[in-house]
Amino acid sequence: MNIFNNDEIPVGLSMALAENLYAMERFGNLNEQQQQDFIQQSRNVGSKQEMRNLVSGLETMR
């Protein structure tokens, strides 16, 4: 599944990932369910800074 080629990923999330290439790489390495869970979590974000914080959390995910 390539979520970047359809409307599945929110614009704010894609922009935040584009600003943080390491987090984008980590997101790409998540399995499909983990990606869906992360996308769902991003839909509850209320500000640009919150989205950046959420995406930055990918840097420390194991």
C-alpha atoms as a PDB file:
ATOM      1  CA  MET A   1       0.000   0.000   0.000  1.00  0.00           C
ATOM      2  CA  ASN A   2       1.323   3.419  -0.880  1.00  0.00           C
ATOM      3  CA  ILE A   3      -0.618   5.931   1.191  1.00  0.00           C
ATOM      4  CA  PHE A   4       1.228   8.883  -0.315  1.00  0.00           C
ATOM      5  CA  ASN A   5      -0.433   8.335  -3.699  1.00  0.00           C
ATOM      6  CA  ASN A   6      -4.026   8.760  -2.574  1.00  0.00           C
ATOM      7  CA  ASP A   7      -6.209  10.834  -0.282  1.00  0.00           C
ATOM      8  CA  GLU A   8      -5.725   8.573   2.710  1.00  0.00           C
ATOM      9  CA  ILE A   9      -3.040  10.625   4.452  1.00  0.00           C
ATOM     10  CA  PRO A  10      -4.053  14.033   5.838  1.00  0.00           C
ATOM     11  CA  VAL A  11      -2.288  17.003   4.245  1.00  0.00           C
ATOM     12  CA  GLY A  12      -0.937  18.223   7.590  1.00  0.00           C
ATOM     13  CA  LEU A  13       0.648  14.857   8.270  1.00  0.00           C
ATOM     14  CA  SER A  14       2.239  14.647   4.837  1.00  0.00           C
ATOM     15  CA  MET A  15       3.637  18.165   5.237  1.00  0.00           C
ATOM     16  CA  ALA A  16       5.042  17.398   8.689  1.00  0.00           C
ATOM     17  CA  LEU A  17       6.634  14.200   7.384  1.00  0.00           C
ATOM     18  CA  ALA A  18       8.146  16.120   4.465  1.00  0.00           C
ATOM     19  CA  GLU A  19       9.804  18.459   6.979  1.00  0.00           C
ATOM     20  CA  ASN A  20      11.315  15.540   8.887  1.00  0.00           C
ATOM     21  CA  LEU A  21      12.884  13.058   6.504  1.00  0.00           C
ATOM     22  CA  TYR A  22      14.051  10.722   9.270  1.00  0.00           C
ATOM     23  CA  ALA A  23      10.495  10.488  10.605  1.00  0.00           C
ATOM     24  CA  MET A  24       9.224   9.916   7.066  1.00  0.00           C
ATOM     25  CA  GLU A  25      11.619   7.021   6.691  1.00  0.00           C
ATOM     26  CA  ARG A  26      10.497   5.577  10.014  1.00  0.00           C
ATOM     27  CA  PHE A  27       6.844   5.981   8.993  1.00  0.00           C
ATOM     28  CA  GLY A  28       7.570   4.142   5.748  1.00  0.00           C
ATOM     29  CA  ASN A  29       9.087   1.268   7.721  1.00  0.00           C
ATOM     30  CA  LEU A  30       5.952   0.792   9.839  1.00  0.00           C
ATOM     31  CA  ASN A  31       3.683  -2.058   8.877  1.00  0.00           C
ATOM     32  CA  GLU A  32       0.330  -1.237   7.288  1.00  0.00           C
ATOM     33  CA  GLN A  33      -1.628  -1.434  10.548  1.00  0.00           C
ATOM     34  CA  GLN A  34       0.859   0.778  12.374  1.00  0.00           C
ATOM     35  CA  GLN A  35       0.659   3.319   9.559  1.00  0.00           C
ATOM     36  CA  GLN A  36      -3.148   3.298   9.706  1.00  0.00           C
ATOM     37  CA  ASP A  37      -3.070   3.753  13.482  1.00  0.00           C
ATOM     38  CA  PHE A  38      -0.646   6.656  13.145  1.00  0.00           C
ATOM     39  CA  ILE A  39      -2.775   8.287  10.443  1.00  0.00           C
ATOM     40  CA  GLN A  40      -5.838   7.944  12.652  1.00  0.00           C
ATOM     41  CA  GLN A  41      -3.950   9.499  15.554  1.00  0.00           C
ATOM     42  CA  SER A  42      -2.916  12.399  13.308  1.00  0.00           C
ATOM     43  CA  ARG A  43      -6.562  13.149  12.544  1.00  0.00           C
ATOM     44  CA  ASN A  44      -7.048  14.160  16.183  1.00  0.00           C
ATOM     45  CA  VAL A  45      -4.286  16.772  16.108  1.00  0.00           C
ATOM     46  CA  GLY A  46      -5.421  20.360  16.547  1.00  0.00           C
ATOM     47  CA  SER A  47      -2.418  22.451  15.525  1.00  0.00           C
ATOM     48  CA  LYS A  48       0.655  22.524  13.336  1.00  0.00           C
ATOM     49  CA  GLN A  49       2.916  22.267  16.392  1.00  0.00           C
ATOM     50  CA  GLU A  50       1.008  19.253  17.704  1.00  0.00           C
ATOM     51  CA  MET A  51       1.458  17.569  14.315  1.00  0.00           C
ATOM     52  CA  ARG A  52       5.181  18.299  14.361  1.00  0.00           C
ATOM     53  CA  ASN A  53       5.395  16.842  17.869  1.00  0.00           C
ATOM     54  CA  LEU A  54       3.479  13.743  16.804  1.00  0.00           C
ATOM     55  CA  VAL A  55       5.750  13.233  13.796  1.00  0.00           C
ATOM     56  CA  SER A  56       8.855  13.872  15.887  1.00  0.00           C
ATOM     57  CA  GLY A  57       7.742  10.998  18.082  1.00  0.00           C
ATOM     58  CA  LEU A  58       8.436   8.667  15.166  1.00  0.00           C
ATOM     59  CA  GLU A  59      12.129   9.399  15.608  1.00  0.00           C
ATOM     60  CA  THR A  60      12.173   7.581  18.929  1.00  0.00           C
ATOM     61  CA  MET A  61       9.772   4.733  18.033  1.00  0.00           C
ATOM     62  CA  ARG A  62      11.182   1.256  18.142  1.00  0.00           C
END
